[in-house]
Amino acid sequence: MSMELISMEYWDEFYTDPDDLKKAKIEELEGT
């Protein structure tokens, strides 16, 4: 679970659109 969260800082590899990245991060944090 820690790997999920600390890797999140590099998810721009999956989401090149800044808005998509924001959405993915919010979803991850809300999901926790």
PDB file of all heavy atoms in Angstrom:
ATOM      1  N   MET A   1       0.817  -1.212   0.000  1.00  0.00           N
ATOM      2  CA  MET A   1       0.000   0.000   0.000  1.00  0.00           C
ATOM      3  C   MET A   1       0.853   1.266   0.000  1.00  0.00           C
ATOM      4  O   MET A   1       0.469   2.286  -0.580  1.00  0.00           O
ATOM      5  CB  MET A   1      -0.959  -0.025   1.194  1.00  0.00           C
ATOM      6  CG  MET A   1      -2.052  -1.061   1.037  1.00  0.00           C
ATOM      7  SD  MET A   1      -3.163  -1.103   2.452  1.00  0.00           S
ATOM      8  CE  MET A   1      -4.654  -1.706   1.662  1.00  0.00           C
ATOM      9  N   SER A   2       2.010   1.192   0.626  1.00  0.00           N
ATOM     10  CA  SER A   2       2.919   2.342   0.599  1.00  0.00           C
ATOM     11  C   SER A   2       3.449   2.559  -0.815  1.00  0.00           C
ATOM     12  O   SER A   2       3.585   3.700  -1.268  1.00  0.00           O
ATOM     13  CB  SER A   2       4.090   2.127   1.563  1.00  0.00           C
ATOM     14  OG  SER A   2       3.631   2.020   2.891  1.00  0.00           O
ATOM     15  N   MET A   3       3.739   1.464  -1.522  1.00  0.00           N
ATOM     16  CA  MET A   3       4.219   1.584  -2.898  1.00  0.00           C
ATOM     17  C   MET A   3       3.173   2.252  -3.793  1.00  0.00           C
ATOM     18  O   MET A   3       3.504   3.053  -4.666  1.00  0.00           O
ATOM     19  CB  MET A   3       4.591   0.207  -3.452  1.00  0.00           C
ATOM     20  CG  MET A   3       5.100   0.227  -4.878  1.00  0.00           C
ATOM     21  SD  MET A   3       6.727   0.999  -5.049  1.00  0.00           S
ATOM     22  CE  MET A   3       7.777  -0.440  -4.769  1.00  0.00           C
ATOM     23  N   GLU A   4       1.899   1.920  -3.581  1.00  0.00           N
ATOM     24  CA  GLU A   4       0.828   2.591  -4.320  1.00  0.00           C
ATOM     25  C   GLU A   4       0.945   4.108  -4.186  1.00  0.00           C
ATOM     26  O   GLU A   4       0.890   4.844  -5.172  1.00  0.00           O
ATOM     27  CB  GLU A   4      -0.541   2.186  -3.771  1.00  0.00           C
ATOM     28  CG  GLU A   4      -1.040   0.820  -4.140  1.00  0.00           C
ATOM     29  CD  GLU A   4      -2.432   0.596  -3.566  1.00  0.00           C
ATOM     30  OE1 GLU A   4      -3.277   1.510  -3.665  1.00  0.00           O
ATOM     31  OE2 GLU A   4      -2.678  -0.488  -3.004  1.00  0.00           O
ATOM     32  N   LEU A   5       1.098   4.563  -2.959  1.00  0.00           N
ATOM     33  CA  LEU A   5       1.048   5.997  -2.680  1.00  0.00           C
ATOM     34  C   LEU A   5       2.317   6.734  -3.099  1.00  0.00           C
ATOM     35  O   LEU A   5       2.241   7.809  -3.707  1.00  0.00           O
ATOM     36  CB  LEU A   5       0.753   6.225  -1.192  1.00  0.00           C
ATOM     37  CG  LEU A   5      -0.669   5.842  -0.762  1.00  0.00           C
ATOM     38  CD1 LEU A   5      -0.777   5.773   0.743  1.00  0.00           C
ATOM     39  CD2 LEU A   5      -1.680   6.845  -1.315  1.00  0.00           C
ATOM     40  N   ILE A   6       3.484   6.182  -2.792  1.00  0.00           N
ATOM     41  CA  ILE A   6       4.704   6.916  -3.140  1.00  0.00           C
ATOM     42  C   ILE A   6       4.952   6.889  -4.652  1.00  0.00           C
ATOM     43  O   ILE A   6       5.547   7.821  -5.206  1.00  0.00           O
ATOM     44  CB  ILE A   6       5.945   6.415  -2.361  1.00  0.00           C
ATOM     45  CG1 ILE A   6       6.244   4.939  -2.638  1.00  0.00           C
ATOM     46  CG2 ILE A   6       5.762   6.655  -0.865  1.00  0.00           C
ATOM     47  CD1 ILE A   6       7.501   4.431  -1.930  1.00  0.00           C
ATOM     48  N   SER A   7       4.466   5.851  -5.335  1.00  0.00           N
ATOM     49  CA  SER A   7       4.607   5.814  -6.799  1.00  0.00           C
ATOM     50  C   SER A   7       3.715   6.851  -7.465  1.00  0.00           C
ATOM     51  O   SER A   7       3.962   7.264  -8.607  1.00  0.00           O
ATOM     52  CB  SER A   7       4.240   4.424  -7.328  1.00  0.00           C
ATOM     53  OG  SER A   7       2.847   4.183  -7.211  1.00  0.00           O
ATOM     54  N   MET A   8       2.676   7.289  -6.762  1.00  0.00           N
ATOM     55  CA  MET A   8       1.717   8.246  -7.299  1.00  0.00           C
ATOM     56  C   MET A   8       2.385   9.531  -7.781  1.00  0.00           C
ATOM     57  O   MET A   8       1.897  10.192  -8.694  1.00  0.00           O
ATOM     58  CB  MET A   8       0.675   8.548  -6.223  1.00  0.00           C
ATOM     59  CG  MET A   8      -0.508   9.342  -6.693  1.00  0.00           C
ATOM     60  SD  MET A   8      -1.838   9.332  -5.473  1.00  0.00           S
ATOM     61  CE  MET A   8      -1.051  10.114  -4.075  1.00  0.00           C
ATOM     62  N   GLU A   9       3.532   9.866  -7.186  1.00  0.00           N
ATOM     63  CA  GLU A   9       4.245  11.079  -7.583  1.00  0.00           C
ATOM     64  C   GLU A   9       4.815  10.961  -8.999  1.00  0.00           C
ATOM     65  O   GLU A   9       5.296  11.957  -9.561  1.00  0.00           O
ATOM     66  CB  GLU A   9       5.368  11.370  -6.583  1.00  0.00           C
ATOM     67  CG  GLU A   9       4.876  11.650  -5.163  1.00  0.00           C
ATOM     68  CD  GLU A   9       3.804  12.736  -5.128  1.00  0.00           C
ATOM     69  OE1 GLU A   9       4.130  13.890  -5.490  1.00  0.00           O
ATOM     70  OE2 GLU A   9       2.648  12.440  -4.752  1.00  0.00           O
ATOM     71  N   TYR A  10       4.756   9.744  -9.586  1.00  0.00           N
ATOM     72  CA  TYR A  10       5.313   9.519 -10.926  1.00  0.00           C
ATOM     73  C   TYR A  10       4.265   8.973 -11.894  1.00  0.00           C
ATOM     74  O   TYR A  10       4.598   8.441 -12.951  1.00  0.00           O
ATOM     75  CB  TYR A  10       6.522   8.572 -10.831  1.00  0.00           C
ATOM     76  CG  TYR A  10       7.491   9.047  -9.773  1.00  0.00           C
ATOM     77  CD1 TYR A  10       7.501   8.463  -8.505  1.00  0.00           C
ATOM     78  CD2 TYR A  10       8.346  10.128 -10.012  1.00  0.00           C
ATOM     79  CE1 TYR A  10       8.348   8.937  -7.509  1.00  0.00           C
ATOM     80  CE2 TYR A  10       9.190  10.603  -9.016  1.00  0.00           C
ATOM     81  CZ  TYR A  10       9.184   9.999  -7.768  1.00  0.00           C
ATOM     82  OH  TYR A  10      10.014  10.486  -6.782  1.00  0.00           O
ATOM     83  N   TRP A  11       3.019   9.164 -11.552  1.00  0.00           N
ATOM     84  CA  TRP A  11       1.942   8.676 -12.400  1.00  0.00           C
ATOM     85  C   TRP A  11       1.728   9.520 -13.653  1.00  0.00           C
ATOM     86  O   TRP A  11       0.862   9.211 -14.470  1.00  0.00           O
ATOM     87  CB  TRP A  11       0.642   8.569 -11.600  1.00  0.00           C
ATOM     88  CG  TRP A  11       0.611   7.374 -10.691  1.00  0.00           C
ATOM     89  CD1 TRP A  11       1.624   6.505 -10.424  1.00  0.00           C
ATOM     90  CD2 TRP A  11      -0.513   6.927  -9.920  1.00  0.00           C
ATOM     91  NE1 TRP A  11       1.220   5.541  -9.533  1.00  0.00           N
ATOM     92  CE2 TRP A  11      -0.089   5.775  -9.203  1.00  0.00           C
ATOM     93  CE3 TRP A  11      -1.810   7.382  -9.750  1.00  0.00           C
ATOM     94  CZ2 TRP A  11      -0.948   5.081  -8.344  1.00  0.00           C
ATOM     95  CZ3 TRP A  11      -2.661   6.705  -8.896  1.00  0.00           C
ATOM     96  CH2 TRP A  11      -2.224   5.554  -8.201  1.00  0.00           C
ATOM     97  N   ASP A  12       2.514  10.580 -13.799  1.00  0.00           N
ATOM     98  CA  ASP A  12       2.413  11.345 -15.043  1.00  0.00           C
ATOM     99  C   ASP A  12       2.877  10.492 -16.230  1.00  0.00           C
ATOM    100  O   ASP A  12       2.644  10.861 -17.390  1.00  0.00           O
ATOM    101  CB  ASP A  12       3.208  12.651 -14.967  1.00  0.00           C
ATOM    102  CG  ASP A  12       4.652  12.449 -14.538  1.00  0.00           C
ATOM    103  OD1 ASP A  12       4.996  11.364 -14.036  1.00  0.00           O
ATOM    104  OD2 ASP A  12       5.458  13.391 -14.687  1.00  0.00           O
ATOM    105  N   GLU A  13       3.539   9.367 -15.946  1.00  0.00           N
ATOM    106  CA  GLU A  13       3.876   8.419 -17.009  1.00  0.00           C
ATOM    107  C   GLU A  13       2.605   7.819 -17.620  1.00  0.00           C
ATOM    108  O   GLU A  13       2.570   7.480 -18.801  1.00  0.00           O
ATOM    109  CB  GLU A  13       4.766   7.286 -16.486  1.00  0.00           C
ATOM    110  CG  GLU A  13       6.135   7.723 -15.983  1.00  0.00           C
ATOM    111  CD  GLU A  13       7.048   8.203 -17.104  1.00  0.00           C
ATOM    112  OE1 GLU A  13       6.717   7.963 -18.295  1.00  0.00           O
ATOM    113  OE2 GLU A  13       8.087   8.820 -16.798  1.00  0.00           O
ATOM    114  N   PHE A  14       1.562   7.686 -16.816  1.00  0.00           N
ATOM    115  CA  PHE A  14       0.291   7.134 -17.279  1.00  0.00           C
ATOM    116  C   PHE A  14      -0.692   8.219 -17.696  1.00  0.00           C
ATOM    117  O   PHE A  14      -1.549   7.987 -18.546  1.00  0.00           O
ATOM    118  CB  PHE A  14      -0.359   6.295 -16.167  1.00  0.00           C
ATOM    119  CG  PHE A  14       0.471   5.128 -15.718  1.00  0.00           C
ATOM    120  CD1 PHE A  14       1.382   5.245 -14.669  1.00  0.00           C
ATOM    121  CD2 PHE A  14       0.358   3.905 -16.360  1.00  0.00           C
ATOM    122  CE1 PHE A  14       2.151   4.168 -14.258  1.00  0.00           C
ATOM    123  CE2 PHE A  14       1.126   2.814 -15.951  1.00  0.00           C
ATOM    124  CZ  PHE A  14       2.024   2.945 -14.908  1.00  0.00           C
ATOM    125  N   TYR A  15      -0.563   9.393 -17.070  1.00  0.00           N
ATOM    126  CA  TYR A  15      -1.501  10.488 -17.323  1.00  0.00           C
ATOM    127  C   TYR A  15      -0.709  11.737 -17.709  1.00  0.00           C
ATOM    128  O   TYR A  15      -0.254  12.490 -16.839  1.00  0.00           O
ATOM    129  CB  TYR A  15      -2.344  10.756 -16.068  1.00  0.00           C
ATOM    130  CG  TYR A  15      -3.019   9.524 -15.502  1.00  0.00           C
ATOM    131  CD1 TYR A  15      -2.501   8.882 -14.372  1.00  0.00           C
ATOM    132  CD2 TYR A  15      -4.159   8.996 -16.110  1.00  0.00           C
ATOM    133  CE1 TYR A  15      -3.111   7.749 -13.858  1.00  0.00           C
ATOM    134  CE2 TYR A  15      -4.768   7.850 -15.592  1.00  0.00           C
ATOM    135  CZ  TYR A  15      -4.243   7.241 -14.468  1.00  0.00           C
ATOM    136  OH  TYR A  15      -4.841   6.119 -13.948  1.00  0.00           O
ATOM    137  N   THR A  16      -0.546  11.938 -19.011  1.00  0.00           N
ATOM    138  CA  THR A  16       0.259  13.082 -19.479  1.00  0.00           C
ATOM    139  C   THR A  16      -0.513  14.391 -19.379  1.00  0.00           C
ATOM    140  O   THR A  16       0.084  15.453 -19.263  1.00  0.00           O
ATOM    141  CB  THR A  16       0.701  12.860 -20.936  1.00  0.00           C
ATOM    142  OG1 THR A  16      -0.449  12.563 -21.744  1.00  0.00           O
ATOM    143  CG2 THR A  16       1.683  11.693 -21.026  1.00  0.00           C
ATOM    144  N   ASP A  17      -1.833  14.321 -19.396  1.00  0.00           N
ATOM    145  CA  ASP A  17      -2.674  15.505 -19.216  1.00  0.00           C
ATOM    146  C   ASP A  17      -2.693  15.846 -17.718  1.00  0.00           C
ATOM    147  O   ASP A  17      -3.076  15.006 -16.897  1.00  0.00           O
ATOM    148  CB  ASP A  17      -4.092  15.207 -19.703  1.00  0.00           C
ATOM    149  CG  ASP A  17      -5.015  16.413 -19.618  1.00  0.00           C
ATOM    150  OD1 ASP A  17      -4.902  17.186 -18.634  1.00  0.00           O
ATOM    151  OD2 ASP A  17      -5.859  16.580 -20.507  1.00  0.00           O
ATOM    152  N   PRO A  18      -2.273  17.069 -17.338  1.00  0.00           N
ATOM    153  CA  PRO A  18      -2.243  17.455 -15.909  1.00  0.00           C
ATOM    154  C   PRO A  18      -3.578  17.270 -15.207  1.00  0.00           C
ATOM    155  O   PRO A  18      -3.619  16.900 -14.030  1.00  0.00           O
ATOM    156  CB  PRO A  18      -1.830  18.925 -15.944  1.00  0.00           C
ATOM    157  CG  PRO A  18      -1.082  19.078 -17.225  1.00  0.00           C
ATOM    158  CD  PRO A  18      -1.761  18.159 -18.196  1.00  0.00           C
ATOM    159  N   ASP A  19      -4.679  17.538 -15.917  1.00  0.00           N
ATOM    160  CA  ASP A  19      -6.001  17.376 -15.304  1.00  0.00           C
ATOM    161  C   ASP A  19      -6.304  15.899 -15.029  1.00  0.00           C
ATOM    162  O   ASP A  19      -6.893  15.556 -13.998  1.00  0.00           O
ATOM    163  CB  ASP A  19      -7.089  17.966 -16.205  1.00  0.00           C
ATOM    164  CG  ASP A  19      -7.051  19.486 -16.218  1.00  0.00           C
ATOM    165  OD1 ASP A  19      -6.534  20.077 -15.244  1.00  0.00           O
ATOM    166  OD2 ASP A  19      -7.527  20.078 -17.204  1.00  0.00           O
ATOM    167  N   ASP A  20      -5.879  15.028 -15.957  1.00  0.00           N
ATOM    168  CA  ASP A  20      -6.064  13.588 -15.745  1.00  0.00           C
ATOM    169  C   ASP A  20      -5.254  13.119 -14.541  1.00  0.00           C
ATOM    170  O   ASP A  20      -5.712  12.301 -13.742  1.00  0.00           O
ATOM    171  CB  ASP A  20      -5.626  12.809 -16.989  1.00  0.00           C
ATOM    172  CG  ASP A  20      -6.613  12.943 -18.135  1.00  0.00           C
ATOM    173  OD1 ASP A  20      -7.658  13.593 -17.944  1.00  0.00           O
ATOM    174  OD2 ASP A  20      -6.330  12.400 -19.221  1.00  0.00           O
ATOM    175  N   LEU A  21      -4.036  13.646 -14.434  1.00  0.00           N
ATOM    176  CA  LEU A  21      -3.175  13.276 -13.307  1.00  0.00           C
ATOM    177  C   LEU A  21      -3.804  13.702 -11.984  1.00  0.00           C
ATOM    178  O   LEU A  21      -3.802  12.938 -11.007  1.00  0.00           O
ATOM    179  CB  LEU A  21      -1.790  13.912 -13.469  1.00  0.00           C
ATOM    180  CG  LEU A  21      -0.771  13.610 -12.358  1.00  0.00           C
ATOM    181  CD1 LEU A  21      -0.517  12.113 -12.258  1.00  0.00           C
ATOM    182  CD2 LEU A  21       0.536  14.365 -12.621  1.00  0.00           C
ATOM    183  N   LYS A  22      -4.350  14.907 -11.963  1.00  0.00           N
ATOM    184  CA  LYS A  22      -5.024  15.388 -10.750  1.00  0.00           C
ATOM    185  C   LYS A  22      -6.175  14.463 -10.377  1.00  0.00           C
ATOM    186  O   LYS A  22      -6.352  14.095  -9.213  1.00  0.00           O
ATOM    187  CB  LYS A  22      -5.558  16.807 -10.968  1.00  0.00           C
ATOM    188  CG  LYS A  22      -4.512  17.895 -10.890  1.00  0.00           C
ATOM    189  CD  LYS A  22      -5.161  19.266 -11.027  1.00  0.00           C
ATOM    190  CE  LYS A  22      -4.126  20.380 -10.872  1.00  0.00           C
ATOM    191  NZ  LYS A  22      -4.766  21.722 -10.963  1.00  0.00           N
ATOM    192  N   LYS A  23      -6.954  14.087 -11.394  1.00  0.00           N
ATOM    193  CA  LYS A  23      -8.088  13.204 -11.143  1.00  0.00           C
ATOM    194  C   LYS A  23      -7.628  11.859 -10.566  1.00  0.00           C
ATOM    195  O   LYS A  23      -8.209  11.336  -9.624  1.00  0.00           O
ATOM    196  CB  LYS A  23      -8.859  12.960 -12.442  1.00  0.00           C
ATOM    197  CG  LYS A  23      -9.702  14.133 -12.907  1.00  0.00           C
ATOM    198  CD  LYS A  23     -10.423  13.797 -14.202  1.00  0.00           C
ATOM    199  CE  LYS A  23     -11.202  14.993 -14.707  1.00  0.00           C
ATOM    200  NZ  LYS A  23     -12.236  15.412 -13.747  1.00  0.00           N
ATOM    201  N   ALA A  24      -6.560  11.321 -11.159  1.00  0.00           N
ATOM    202  CA  ALA A  24      -6.048  10.025 -10.703  1.00  0.00           C
ATOM    203  C   ALA A  24      -5.551  10.107  -9.265  1.00  0.00           C
ATOM    204  O   ALA A  24      -5.781   9.192  -8.465  1.00  0.00           O
ATOM    205  CB  ALA A  24      -4.932   9.549 -11.628  1.00  0.00           C
ATOM    206  N   LYS A  25      -4.880  11.193  -8.931  1.00  0.00           N
ATOM    207  CA  LYS A  25      -4.358  11.354  -7.567  1.00  0.00           C
ATOM    208  C   LYS A  25      -5.494  11.516  -6.560  1.00  0.00           C
ATOM    209  O   LYS A  25      -5.463  10.920  -5.470  1.00  0.00           O
ATOM    210  CB  LYS A  25      -3.426  12.571  -7.505  1.00  0.00           C
ATOM    211  CG  LYS A  25      -2.048  12.330  -8.093  1.00  0.00           C
ATOM    212  CD  LYS A  25      -1.151  13.531  -7.820  1.00  0.00           C
ATOM    213  CE  LYS A  25       0.300  13.229  -8.169  1.00  0.00           C
ATOM    214  NZ  LYS A  25       1.195  14.349  -7.807  1.00  0.00           N
ATOM    215  N   ILE A  26      -6.481  12.323  -6.916  1.00  0.00           N
ATOM    216  CA  ILE A  26      -7.615  12.515  -6.005  1.00  0.00           C
ATOM    217  C   ILE A  26      -8.347  11.192  -5.799  1.00  0.00           C
ATOM    218  O   ILE A  26      -8.715  10.830  -4.676  1.00  0.00           O
ATOM    219  CB  ILE A  26      -8.583  13.594  -6.553  1.00  0.00           C
ATOM    220  CG1 ILE A  26      -7.934  14.978  -6.444  1.00  0.00           C
ATOM    221  CG2 ILE A  26      -9.905  13.573  -5.793  1.00  0.00           C
ATOM    222  CD1 ILE A  26      -8.688  16.070  -7.161  1.00  0.00           C
ATOM    223  N   GLU A  27      -8.518  10.449  -6.900  1.00  0.00           N
ATOM    224  CA  GLU A  27      -9.190   9.153  -6.800  1.00  0.00           C
ATOM    225  C   GLU A  27      -8.415   8.202  -5.886  1.00  0.00           C
ATOM    226  O   GLU A  27      -8.997   7.482  -5.081  1.00  0.00           O
ATOM    227  CB  GLU A  27      -9.328   8.538  -8.192  1.00  0.00           C
ATOM    228  CG  GLU A  27     -10.074   7.217  -8.186  1.00  0.00           C
ATOM    229  CD  GLU A  27     -10.247   6.662  -9.586  1.00  0.00           C
ATOM    230  OE1 GLU A  27     -10.848   7.346 -10.422  1.00  0.00           O
ATOM    231  OE2 GLU A  27      -9.764   5.542  -9.838  1.00  0.00           O
ATOM    232  N   GLU A  28      -7.092   8.205  -6.024  1.00  0.00           N
ATOM    233  CA  GLU A  28      -6.258   7.334  -5.183  1.00  0.00           C
ATOM    234  C   GLU A  28      -6.372   7.735  -3.710  1.00  0.00           C
ATOM    235  O   GLU A  28      -6.574   6.886  -2.842  1.00  0.00           O
ATOM    236  CB  GLU A  28      -4.803   7.413  -5.638  1.00  0.00           C
ATOM    237  CG  GLU A  28      -3.809   6.691  -4.742  1.00  0.00           C
ATOM    238  CD  GLU A  28      -3.901   5.178  -4.777  1.00  0.00           C
ATOM    239  OE1 GLU A  28      -4.569   4.635  -5.669  1.00  0.00           O
ATOM    240  OE2 GLU A  28      -3.309   4.523  -3.892  1.00  0.00           O
ATOM    241  N   LEU A  29      -6.249   9.033  -3.433  1.00  0.00           N
ATOM    242  CA  LEU A  29      -6.298   9.492  -2.044  1.00  0.00           C
ATOM    243  C   LEU A  29      -7.684   9.285  -1.436  1.00  0.00           C
ATOM    244  O   LEU A  29      -7.806   8.828  -0.299  1.00  0.00           O
ATOM    245  CB  LEU A  29      -5.893  10.972  -1.970  1.00  0.00           C
ATOM    246  CG  LEU A  29      -4.400  11.239  -2.200  1.00  0.00           C
ATOM    247  CD1 LEU A  29      -4.140  12.721  -2.410  1.00  0.00           C
ATOM    248  CD2 LEU A  29      -3.571  10.708  -1.035  1.00  0.00           C
ATOM    249  N   GLU A  30      -8.715   9.626  -2.203  1.00  0.00           N
ATOM    250  CA  GLU A  30     -10.071   9.364  -1.708  1.00  0.00           C
ATOM    251  C   GLU A  30     -10.264   7.864  -1.485  1.00  0.00           C
ATOM    252  O   GLU A  30     -10.875   7.450  -0.500  1.00  0.00           O
ATOM    253  CB  GLU A  30     -11.114   9.860  -2.716  1.00  0.00           C
ATOM    254  CG  GLU A  30     -11.422  11.332  -2.622  1.00  0.00           C
ATOM    255  CD  GLU A  30     -12.640  11.706  -3.462  1.00  0.00           C
ATOM    256  OE1 GLU A  30     -12.977  10.967  -4.394  1.00  0.00           O
ATOM    257  OE2 GLU A  30     -13.241  12.754  -3.172  1.00  0.00           O
ATOM    258  N   GLY A  31      -9.724   7.081  -2.410  1.00  0.00           N
ATOM    259  CA  GLY A  31      -9.882   5.635  -2.322  1.00  0.00           C
ATOM    260  C   GLY A  31      -9.281   5.051  -1.065  1.00  0.00           C
ATOM    261  O   GLY A  31      -9.813   4.086  -0.504  1.00  0.00           O
ATOM    262  N   THR A  32      -8.166   5.616  -0.601  1.00  0.00           N
ATOM    263  CA  THR A  32      -7.548   5.093   0.629  1.00  0.00           C
ATOM    264  C   THR A  32      -8.503   5.221   1.809  1.00  0.00           C
ATOM    265  O   THR A  32      -8.528   4.361   2.688  1.00  0.00           O
ATOM    266  CB  THR A  32      -6.240   5.841   0.972  1.00  0.00           C
ATOM    267  OG1 THR A  32      -6.520   7.222   1.211  1.00  0.00           O
ATOM    268  CG2 THR A  32      -5.218   5.708  -0.136  1.00  0.00           C
TER     269      THR A  32
END
